[in-house]
């Protein structure tokens, strides 16, 4: 599995051309073009409510960074579990086509391959913020000297809420305990050297570094290995929110030494609205089954039935015997109907491989960037880093032309023409060409429509 380029950007791709036929040629030559057929692409009718010619055509769906498209196999997967429930009842726990009792175990290896973990380091459970709180129970243990949590100023609001309330839970003032790193004046993204320097100078007070692997607003992909190393050198623990990273960029969480990571599965992982999330716990912590804190080196955690050692689970004893690995942080048995679509999506990722998807993504987003720059030039500003090694597939775009529609007005005009992207305050349009199901023709059509709308 590849790692993000640590140095200068890779060589520029072959020259692009601004013609529809060129985009179609790129699609015909795409070795991953079969991926699109594995998904339902929302229709223009679905987006706009319009009827008539072309209404049932696929939309230009560039918002997989908010909700991924539905795998065609998802419906059958859910129906299979419903059928097993109907015909087998409780016996489906052992006799179903995909037995429910060990159902979550089928995600261990697929999940590990997805984020660069080892077997036993990944568990699919709960939602992202629930998992984040569970991780901070174990990995945020403030002391009078070391108590601060470092996040980026543009962190997703839910992460901000989580760290503030965790600090308050420990009796700390969030305004003092939570450090929000900001870009330099006039810049939109954080520089790695500034993060590392802060940790070098002030790290003695930092208990936890918690950044978004890919920032939701700017699309910046942080230098995760370098920041993880800097956090550890400062004596802090390091966790990552991969809501916009899992399924988008290749990571090597075990190799990089991340203490933990959390992510959702409804964006790039296409598991449906509110889908079951994921969690990584490095094996150096997962091997520690002593859950009582104290001098014995115990690692505190909240416990539930499914985190118990399986051999003890049905003995119905009151004592919690933590299972080794990330599974120890599970609380409840898995929600089967919610996990079925996730299984179909992770099987697709296993089929294509995150490395091959990343290779296409670099070219697809590079084409989007080139078209935007070529066509719209000074009328827009791309907030996302220009270095392909410092971003995922999404670009964040701000309109600069004073006489052009912007913000929600621009979004509404795009939707009316069958384009699905999204808006973030104050004036950012995000467009995410996902390599699994988006095409170069999607990208060309989007920029063409965007140009028309801005001129209007």
Protein backbone atom coordinates (compact mmCIF):
# COMPACT_ATOMS: atom_id res chain seq x y z
CA UNK A 1 0.00 0.00 0.00
CA UNK A 2 1.58 3.34 -0.99
CA UNK A 3 2.37 6.13 1.44
CA UNK A 4 1.84 9.82 0.77
CA UNK A 5 4.76 11.51 -0.95
CA UNK A 6 6.86 13.14 1.79
CA UNK A 7 8.70 15.55 -0.49
CA UNK A 8 8.00 17.50 -3.66
CA UNK A 9 4.96 16.67 -5.79
CA UNK A 10 5.21 13.87 -8.36
CA UNK A 11 5.91 14.72 -11.99
CA UNK A 12 3.14 16.53 -13.81
CA UNK A 13 0.74 14.28 -15.72
CA UNK A 14 0.75 14.24 -19.51
CA UNK A 15 -0.69 17.38 -21.04
CA UNK A 16 -4.46 17.67 -20.76
CA UNK A 17 -6.75 19.08 -23.41
CA UNK A 18 -9.92 21.03 -22.87
CA UNK A 19 -12.26 19.11 -25.14
CA UNK A 20 -15.13 16.78 -24.41
CA UNK A 21 -13.68 14.15 -26.72
CA UNK A 22 -10.41 14.17 -24.75
CA UNK A 23 -12.30 13.51 -21.50
CA UNK A 24 -14.16 10.63 -23.15
CA UNK A 25 -10.85 9.24 -24.43
CA UNK A 26 -9.47 9.29 -20.88
CA UNK A 27 -12.50 7.34 -19.70
CA UNK A 28 -12.11 4.72 -22.40
CA UNK A 29 -8.48 4.23 -21.38
CA UNK A 30 -9.28 4.08 -17.64
CA UNK A 31 -8.41 0.62 -16.24
CA UNK A 32 -10.87 1.21 -13.35
CA UNK A 33 -13.83 2.26 -15.49
CA UNK A 34 -15.76 -0.87 -14.49
CA UNK A 35 -16.07 0.49 -10.97
CA UNK A 36 -18.83 2.91 -11.99
CA UNK A 37 -21.10 0.03 -12.97
CA UNK A 38 -20.99 -1.25 -9.40
CA UNK A 39 -22.86 1.82 -8.11
CA UNK A 40 -26.18 3.55 -8.54
CA UNK A 41 -25.47 7.11 -9.67
CA UNK A 42 -28.20 9.53 -8.49
CA UNK A 43 -30.27 10.87 -11.36
CA UNK A 44 -30.96 14.39 -12.49
CA UNK A 45 -34.64 13.80 -11.61
CA UNK A 46 -33.57 12.85 -8.09
CA UNK A 47 -31.58 16.06 -7.67
CA UNK A 48 -33.87 18.55 -9.35
CA UNK A 49 -37.33 16.98 -9.32
CA UNK A 50 -37.61 17.77 -13.02
CA UNK A 51 -39.28 15.46 -15.51
CA UNK A 52 -38.94 15.13 -19.25
CA UNK A 53 -36.05 14.33 -21.58
CA UNK A 54 -32.81 13.70 -19.74
CA UNK A 55 -34.39 13.76 -16.28
CA UNK A 56 -33.45 10.16 -15.59
CA UNK A 57 -29.87 10.56 -16.78
CA UNK A 58 -27.08 10.14 -14.22
CA UNK A 59 -26.26 13.36 -12.43
CA UNK A 60 -22.74 14.75 -12.15
CA UNK A 61 -22.31 13.44 -8.63
CA UNK A 62 -19.27 15.10 -7.02
CA UNK A 63 -20.30 14.89 -3.38
CA UNK A 64 -18.97 11.51 -2.33
CA UNK A 65 -17.13 13.45 0.36
CA UNK A 66 -20.53 13.93 2.05
CA UNK A 67 -22.42 10.77 1.07
CA UNK A 68 -21.06 8.11 -1.25
CA UNK A 69 -23.14 6.49 -3.95
CA UNK A 70 -25.04 3.31 -3.20
CA UNK A 71 -23.34 0.04 -4.21
CA UNK A 72 -25.67 -1.98 -6.42
CA UNK A 73 -25.06 -5.00 -4.21
CA UNK A 74 -26.20 -3.17 -1.07
CA UNK A 75 -29.92 -3.80 -1.55
CA UNK A 76 -29.45 -7.54 -2.01
CA UNK A 77 -27.13 -7.65 1.00
CA UNK A 78 -29.72 -6.04 3.27
CA UNK A 79 -32.54 -8.17 1.87
CA UNK A 80 -30.47 -11.30 2.56
CA UNK A 81 -30.26 -10.39 6.23
CA UNK A 82 -33.98 -9.62 6.32
CA UNK A 83 -34.69 -13.00 4.72
CA UNK A 84 -32.51 -14.75 7.29
CA UNK A 85 -34.30 -12.91 10.07
CA UNK A 86 -37.67 -13.86 8.57
CA UNK A 87 -36.92 -17.56 8.05
CA UNK A 88 -34.35 -18.36 10.74
CA UNK A 89 -35.03 -15.90 13.52
CA UNK A 90 -32.46 -16.20 16.29
CA UNK A 91 -30.84 -19.18 14.56
CA UNK A 92 -29.46 -16.76 11.94
CA UNK A 93 -26.78 -15.88 14.47
CA UNK A 94 -25.17 -19.20 13.57
CA UNK A 95 -26.96 -20.49 10.46
CA UNK A 96 -27.47 -17.39 8.33
CA UNK A 97 -25.72 -16.98 5.00
CA UNK A 98 -23.48 -14.52 6.82
CA UNK A 99 -23.86 -15.64 10.45
CA UNK A 100 -24.58 -12.74 12.75
CA UNK A 101 -22.60 -13.85 15.78
CA UNK A 102 -19.17 -13.43 14.13
CA UNK A 103 -20.40 -10.88 11.55
CA UNK A 104 -18.10 -8.06 12.62
CA UNK A 105 -15.05 -10.33 12.38
CA UNK A 106 -15.38 -10.31 8.59
CA UNK A 107 -14.39 -6.63 8.58
CA UNK A 108 -11.10 -7.03 10.44
CA UNK A 109 -8.82 -7.85 7.55
CA UNK A 110 -10.67 -5.69 4.99
CA UNK A 111 -10.61 -2.75 7.37
CA UNK A 112 -6.93 -3.26 8.14
CA UNK A 113 -6.04 -3.34 4.45
CA UNK A 114 -8.04 -0.16 3.90
CA UNK A 115 -6.15 1.98 6.44
CA UNK A 116 -2.81 0.21 6.64
CA UNK A 117 -3.33 -1.66 9.89
CA UNK A 118 -2.56 -5.18 11.00
CA UNK A 119 -5.21 -7.82 11.66
CA UNK A 120 -6.78 -7.11 15.03
CA UNK A 121 -6.09 -3.36 14.91
CA UNK A 122 -9.37 -2.39 13.21
CA UNK A 123 -12.95 -2.78 14.32
CA UNK A 124 -16.11 -1.44 12.67
CA UNK A 125 -18.54 -0.13 15.29
CA UNK A 126 -20.74 2.77 16.43
CA UNK A 127 -20.45 6.20 14.80
CA UNK A 128 -17.35 8.34 14.42
CA UNK A 129 -17.92 10.69 17.36
CA UNK A 130 -18.93 7.84 19.67
CA UNK A 131 -15.70 6.09 18.74
CA UNK A 132 -13.75 9.30 19.29
CA UNK A 133 -15.11 9.62 22.81
CA UNK A 134 -14.33 5.96 23.52
CA UNK A 135 -10.77 6.50 22.31
CA UNK A 136 -10.30 9.59 24.46
CA UNK A 137 -11.41 7.65 27.52
CA UNK A 138 -8.28 5.58 26.96
CA UNK A 139 -5.89 8.01 25.30
CA UNK A 140 -6.68 11.40 26.84
CA UNK A 141 -5.49 11.19 30.42
CA UNK A 142 -4.51 14.71 31.43
CA UNK A 143 -2.11 15.57 34.22
CA UNK A 144 -1.47 18.97 35.82
CA UNK A 145 1.53 19.43 33.51
CA UNK A 146 0.38 17.61 30.36
CA UNK A 147 -3.28 18.28 29.63
CA UNK A 148 -3.72 20.05 26.28
CA UNK A 149 -5.40 18.67 23.16
CA UNK A 150 -4.13 19.98 19.82
CA UNK A 151 -6.57 20.23 16.90
CA UNK A 152 -6.68 22.30 13.73
CA UNK A 153 -8.71 25.50 13.92
CA UNK A 154 -10.82 24.34 10.97
CA UNK A 155 -11.54 20.95 12.55
CA UNK A 156 -14.95 19.47 11.86
CA UNK A 157 -17.35 20.92 14.46
CA UNK A 158 -18.17 17.53 15.98
CA UNK A 159 -14.48 17.01 16.79
CA UNK A 160 -14.39 20.43 18.43
CA UNK A 161 -17.40 19.55 20.54
CA UNK A 162 -15.88 16.21 21.52
CA UNK A 163 -12.53 17.58 22.70
CA UNK A 164 -14.10 20.53 24.53
CA UNK A 165 -16.47 18.29 26.46
CA UNK A 166 -13.71 15.78 27.22
CA UNK A 167 -11.59 18.58 28.68
CA UNK A 168 -14.55 19.84 30.73
CA UNK A 169 -15.28 16.27 31.90
CA UNK A 170 -11.81 16.22 33.43
CA UNK A 171 -12.48 19.52 35.20
CA UNK A 172 -10.43 21.62 32.79
CA UNK A 173 -11.26 24.88 31.06
CA UNK A 174 -11.66 24.05 27.35
CA UNK A 175 -10.43 27.52 26.40
CA UNK A 176 -7.09 26.62 27.99
CA UNK A 177 -6.97 22.88 27.35
CA UNK A 178 -7.88 22.89 23.63
CA UNK A 179 -5.24 24.38 21.31
CA UNK A 180 -6.49 25.32 17.84
CA UNK A 181 -3.66 25.60 15.33
CA UNK A 182 -4.27 28.27 12.68
CA UNK A 183 -2.69 28.85 9.27
CA UNK A 184 -0.34 31.75 8.78
CA UNK A 185 -1.82 35.12 7.96
CA UNK A 186 -3.23 35.11 4.43
CA UNK A 187 -2.96 31.32 4.04
CA UNK A 188 -5.71 28.69 4.09
CA UNK A 189 -3.87 25.56 5.17
CA UNK A 190 -1.50 24.62 7.97
CA UNK A 191 2.18 24.14 7.27
CA UNK A 192 3.69 20.91 8.57
CA UNK A 193 6.74 22.76 9.87
CA UNK A 194 4.51 25.02 11.97
CA UNK A 195 2.76 22.04 13.56
CA UNK A 196 6.07 20.34 14.28
CA UNK A 197 7.52 23.56 15.71
CA UNK A 198 4.57 24.04 18.03
CA UNK A 199 5.02 20.50 19.34
CA UNK A 200 8.75 21.05 19.77
CA UNK A 201 8.28 24.27 21.72
CA UNK A 202 5.12 23.52 23.70
CA UNK A 203 4.76 19.75 23.52
CA UNK A 204 5.51 19.25 27.21
CA UNK A 205 1.97 20.44 27.91
CA UNK A 206 0.30 18.36 25.17
CA UNK A 207 -1.47 15.15 26.13
CA UNK A 208 -3.13 14.43 22.76
CA UNK A 209 -2.68 15.51 19.15
CA UNK A 210 -5.94 15.00 17.24
CA UNK A 211 -6.06 16.24 13.66
CA UNK A 212 -8.21 15.38 10.67
CA UNK A 213 -6.10 13.29 8.30
CA UNK A 214 -7.76 15.18 5.44
CA UNK A 215 -9.35 18.44 6.54
CA UNK A 216 -13.03 18.58 5.67
CA UNK A 217 -13.05 22.26 4.67
CA UNK A 218 -9.82 22.76 2.74
CA UNK A 219 -9.15 19.21 1.57
CA UNK A 220 -5.58 19.37 2.95
CA UNK A 221 -4.00 15.97 3.60
CA UNK A 222 -1.68 16.41 6.55
CA UNK A 223 1.76 14.82 6.63
CA UNK A 224 0.55 12.14 8.98
CA UNK A 225 3.82 10.23 9.53
CA UNK A 226 5.84 13.38 10.26
CA UNK A 227 3.22 14.85 12.61
CA UNK A 228 2.75 11.52 14.40
CA UNK A 229 6.49 11.28 14.97
CA UNK A 230 6.64 14.88 16.22
CA UNK A 231 3.77 14.26 18.63
CA UNK A 232 5.43 11.18 20.05
CA UNK A 233 8.77 12.95 20.33
CA UNK A 234 7.00 15.61 22.40
CA UNK A 235 5.63 12.88 24.69
CA UNK A 236 2.02 13.11 23.48
CA UNK A 237 -0.33 10.49 22.10
CA UNK A 238 -1.53 10.97 18.51
CA UNK A 239 -4.94 10.17 17.04
CA UNK A 240 -6.43 10.88 13.62
CA UNK A 241 -9.93 11.61 12.38
CA UNK A 242 -10.08 9.93 8.98
CA UNK A 243 -13.65 10.89 8.10
CA UNK A 244 -12.32 12.38 4.85
CA UNK A 245 -9.32 10.08 4.64
CA UNK A 246 -10.57 6.49 4.80
CA UNK A 247 -11.24 5.31 1.25
CA UNK A 248 -9.84 8.56 -0.15
CA UNK A 249 -6.10 8.47 0.55
CA UNK A 250 -3.75 5.57 1.33
CA UNK A 251 -2.54 5.41 4.92
CA UNK A 252 -0.16 3.18 6.86
CA UNK A 253 -1.48 3.67 10.38
CA UNK A 254 0.48 0.81 11.93
CA UNK A 255 3.76 1.71 10.25
CA UNK A 256 3.37 5.39 11.12
CA UNK A 257 2.71 4.51 14.76
CA UNK A 258 -0.62 6.29 15.17
CA UNK A 259 -2.05 5.48 18.58
CA UNK A 260 -5.61 5.44 17.27
CA UNK A 261 -7.79 6.62 14.41
CA UNK A 262 -11.53 6.91 13.82
CA UNK A 263 -13.58 7.36 10.66
CA UNK A 264 -17.10 7.27 9.31
CA UNK A 265 -18.23 4.99 6.49
CA UNK A 266 -20.92 6.99 4.69
CA UNK A 267 -18.60 9.26 2.71
CA UNK A 268 -15.91 7.64 0.59
CA UNK A 269 -16.78 4.17 1.93
CA UNK A 270 -20.31 4.27 0.47
CA UNK A 271 -22.03 2.39 3.29
CA UNK A 272 -25.14 4.57 3.47
CA UNK A 273 -26.42 7.44 5.64
CA UNK A 274 -25.38 7.11 9.28
CA UNK A 275 -23.39 3.97 8.48
CA UNK A 276 -21.37 2.03 11.02
CA UNK A 277 -18.01 3.72 11.58
CA UNK A 278 -14.47 2.40 11.97
CA UNK A 279 -11.76 2.49 14.60
CA UNK A 280 -8.03 1.68 14.63
CA UNK A 281 -6.08 0.94 17.80
CA UNK A 282 -2.38 0.28 17.42
CA UNK A 283 -1.42 -3.19 18.58
CA UNK A 284 0.98 -1.75 21.18
CA UNK A 285 -2.16 -0.63 22.99
CA UNK A 286 -4.46 -3.40 21.83
CA UNK A 287 -2.24 -5.98 23.53
CA UNK A 288 -2.86 -4.28 26.84
CA UNK A 289 -5.93 -6.03 28.22
CA UNK A 290 -5.54 -4.53 31.70
CA UNK A 291 -8.40 -2.06 31.80
CA UNK A 292 -7.94 -0.85 35.37
CA UNK A 293 -5.72 2.26 35.43
CA UNK A 294 -2.98 2.49 37.98
CA UNK A 295 0.53 1.34 38.69
CA UNK A 296 0.02 -1.93 36.83
CA UNK A 297 0.07 -0.07 33.49
CA UNK A 298 -3.61 -0.60 32.83
CA UNK A 299 -5.28 1.18 29.92
CA UNK A 300 -8.71 2.49 30.97
CA UNK A 301 -11.68 1.98 28.69
CA UNK A 302 -15.43 1.70 28.81
CA UNK A 303 -16.56 -1.89 28.59
CA UNK A 304 -19.48 -3.70 27.02
CA UNK A 305 -20.53 -7.22 26.15
CA UNK A 306 -18.86 -7.44 22.76
CA UNK A 307 -15.49 -6.21 24.05
CA UNK A 308 -15.36 -9.22 26.35
CA UNK A 309 -13.20 -12.22 25.57
CA UNK A 310 -15.42 -14.40 23.28
CA UNK A 311 -14.78 -17.53 25.33
CA UNK A 312 -16.22 -15.74 28.34
CA UNK A 313 -19.02 -13.87 26.57
CA UNK A 314 -21.79 -16.40 27.07
CA UNK A 315 -20.71 -17.57 30.51
CA UNK A 316 -22.68 -14.54 31.74
CA UNK A 317 -20.20 -13.66 34.46
CA UNK A 318 -20.04 -10.11 35.84
CA UNK A 319 -16.28 -9.76 35.37
CA UNK A 320 -15.05 -8.01 32.22
CA UNK A 321 -12.21 -9.89 30.56
CA UNK A 322 -10.94 -7.60 27.83
CA UNK A 323 -10.23 -9.16 24.46
CA UNK A 324 -6.89 -8.33 22.89
CA UNK A 325 -6.97 -5.92 19.95
CA UNK A 326 -9.32 -3.18 18.85
CA UNK A 327 -12.31 -5.46 19.49
CA UNK A 328 -11.83 -4.77 23.20
CA UNK A 329 -13.34 -1.30 22.71
CA UNK A 330 -16.63 -2.66 21.34
CA UNK A 331 -19.65 -2.14 23.53
CA UNK A 332 -22.51 -3.94 21.81
CA UNK A 333 -23.21 -6.62 19.28
CA UNK A 334 -23.04 -5.24 15.72
CA UNK A 335 -26.11 -3.82 13.91
CA UNK A 336 -26.37 -6.33 11.09
CA UNK A 337 -28.76 -4.42 8.82
CA UNK A 338 -26.43 -1.40 8.93
CA UNK A 339 -23.27 -3.40 8.41
CA UNK A 340 -24.49 -5.28 5.33
CA UNK A 341 -24.01 -2.32 2.92
CA UNK A 342 -20.58 -1.66 4.42
CA UNK A 343 -19.56 -5.22 3.64
CA UNK A 344 -20.48 -4.76 -0.02
CA UNK A 345 -18.50 -1.53 -0.26
CA UNK A 346 -15.37 -2.86 1.45
CA UNK A 347 -15.44 -5.84 -0.91
CA UNK A 348 -15.27 -3.36 -3.80
CA UNK A 349 -12.27 -1.61 -2.22
CA UNK A 350 -10.63 -4.99 -1.78
CA UNK A 351 -11.25 -5.74 -5.45
CA UNK A 352 -9.68 -2.56 -6.82
CA UNK A 353 -7.18 -1.76 -4.08
CA UNK A 354 -6.62 1.65 -2.50
CA UNK A 355 -3.29 2.01 -4.35
CA UNK A 356 -4.86 1.77 -7.80
CA UNK A 357 -7.71 4.05 -6.75
CA UNK A 358 -5.25 6.63 -5.49
CA UNK A 359 -3.34 6.54 -8.77
CA UNK A 360 -6.52 7.32 -10.69
CA UNK A 361 -7.57 9.91 -8.11
CA UNK A 362 -4.39 11.93 -8.58
CA UNK A 363 -5.01 12.11 -12.33
CA UNK A 364 -8.77 12.74 -12.02
CA UNK A 365 -8.41 15.58 -9.51
CA UNK A 366 -5.43 16.91 -11.42
CA UNK A 367 -7.65 17.14 -14.49
CA UNK A 368 -10.29 19.00 -12.48
CA UNK A 369 -7.69 21.43 -11.16
CA UNK A 370 -6.26 21.99 -14.65
CA UNK A 371 -9.68 22.67 -16.18
CA UNK A 372 -10.66 25.06 -13.39
CA UNK A 373 -7.41 26.97 -13.74
CA UNK A 374 -7.50 26.99 -17.54
CA UNK A 375 -11.12 28.03 -17.90
CA UNK A 376 -11.83 30.20 -14.89
CA UNK A 377 -8.40 31.48 -13.95
CA UNK A 378 -8.60 34.54 -11.71
CA UNK A 379 -12.37 34.19 -11.20
CA UNK A 380 -11.91 31.47 -8.59
CA UNK A 381 -9.50 30.47 -5.87
CA UNK A 382 -8.68 26.85 -5.12
CA UNK A 383 -8.15 26.59 -1.37
CA UNK A 384 -6.91 23.01 -1.48
CA UNK A 385 -3.13 22.48 -1.75
CA UNK A 386 -1.86 22.24 -5.32
CA UNK A 387 0.58 19.46 -4.36
CA UNK A 388 -1.20 16.14 -5.14
CA UNK A 389 0.65 14.59 -2.20
CA UNK A 390 -1.00 17.05 0.18
CA UNK A 391 -4.64 16.49 -0.79
CA UNK A 392 -7.22 13.82 -1.43
CA UNK A 393 -9.67 13.85 -4.30
CA UNK A 394 -11.76 16.88 -3.27
CA UNK A 395 -11.07 20.49 -4.23
CA UNK A 396 -12.46 23.43 -2.27
CA UNK A 397 -13.32 26.34 -4.55
CA UNK A 398 -14.10 29.95 -3.67
CA UNK A 399 -15.48 32.35 -6.28
CA UNK A 400 -13.55 35.62 -6.51
CA UNK A 401 -15.35 37.31 -9.41
CA UNK A 402 -17.51 40.04 -7.84
CA UNK A 403 -20.24 39.82 -10.47
CA UNK A 404 -20.59 36.00 -10.37
CA UNK A 405 -22.95 33.98 -8.17
CA UNK A 406 -21.26 32.42 -5.14
CA UNK A 407 -22.01 30.35 -2.07
CA UNK A 408 -25.49 28.90 -1.73
CA UNK A 409 -26.71 30.76 -4.80
CA UNK A 410 -24.02 29.12 -6.90
CA UNK A 411 -24.78 25.73 -5.39
CA UNK A 412 -28.49 26.11 -6.23
CA UNK A 413 -27.68 26.97 -9.84
CA UNK A 414 -25.40 23.95 -10.15
CA UNK A 415 -28.00 21.60 -8.67
CA UNK A 416 -30.61 22.93 -11.09
CA UNK A 417 -28.34 21.73 -13.91
CA UNK A 418 -27.85 18.24 -12.48
CA UNK A 419 -24.60 18.80 -10.54
CA UNK A 420 -24.29 17.45 -6.99
CA UNK A 421 -21.54 19.11 -4.99
CA UNK A 422 -21.76 20.89 -1.65
CA UNK A 423 -21.36 24.20 0.13
CA UNK A 424 -19.53 25.07 3.33
CA UNK A 425 -19.58 28.42 5.08
CA UNK A 426 -18.64 31.04 4.34
CA UNK A 427 -18.25 30.67 0.56
CA UNK A 428 -16.69 27.30 -0.27
CA UNK A 429 -17.96 24.92 -2.94
CA UNK A 430 -16.47 21.43 -2.57
CA UNK A 431 -16.23 19.11 -5.57
CA UNK A 432 -14.94 15.57 -5.05
CA UNK A 433 -14.40 13.36 -8.12
CA UNK A 434 -14.31 9.90 -6.55
CA UNK A 435 -12.19 7.42 -8.53
CA UNK A 436 -14.50 4.46 -7.88
CA UNK A 437 -17.44 5.87 -9.81
CA UNK A 438 -16.68 9.33 -11.20
CA UNK A 439 -15.39 9.83 -14.71
CA UNK A 440 -13.20 12.32 -16.52
CA UNK A 441 -16.32 13.25 -18.49
CA UNK A 442 -18.06 14.11 -15.19
CA UNK A 443 -15.20 16.47 -14.43
CA UNK A 444 -15.28 18.10 -17.87
CA UNK A 445 -19.06 18.59 -17.73
CA UNK A 446 -18.88 20.05 -14.21
CA UNK A 447 -16.34 22.70 -15.17
CA UNK A 448 -18.28 23.46 -18.34
CA UNK A 449 -21.51 23.99 -16.35
CA UNK A 450 -19.69 25.95 -13.65
CA UNK A 451 -18.35 28.32 -16.29
CA UNK A 452 -21.82 28.78 -17.79
CA UNK A 453 -23.37 29.47 -14.40
CA UNK A 454 -20.71 32.00 -13.46
CA UNK A 455 -21.15 33.83 -16.73
CA UNK A 456 -24.91 33.96 -16.23
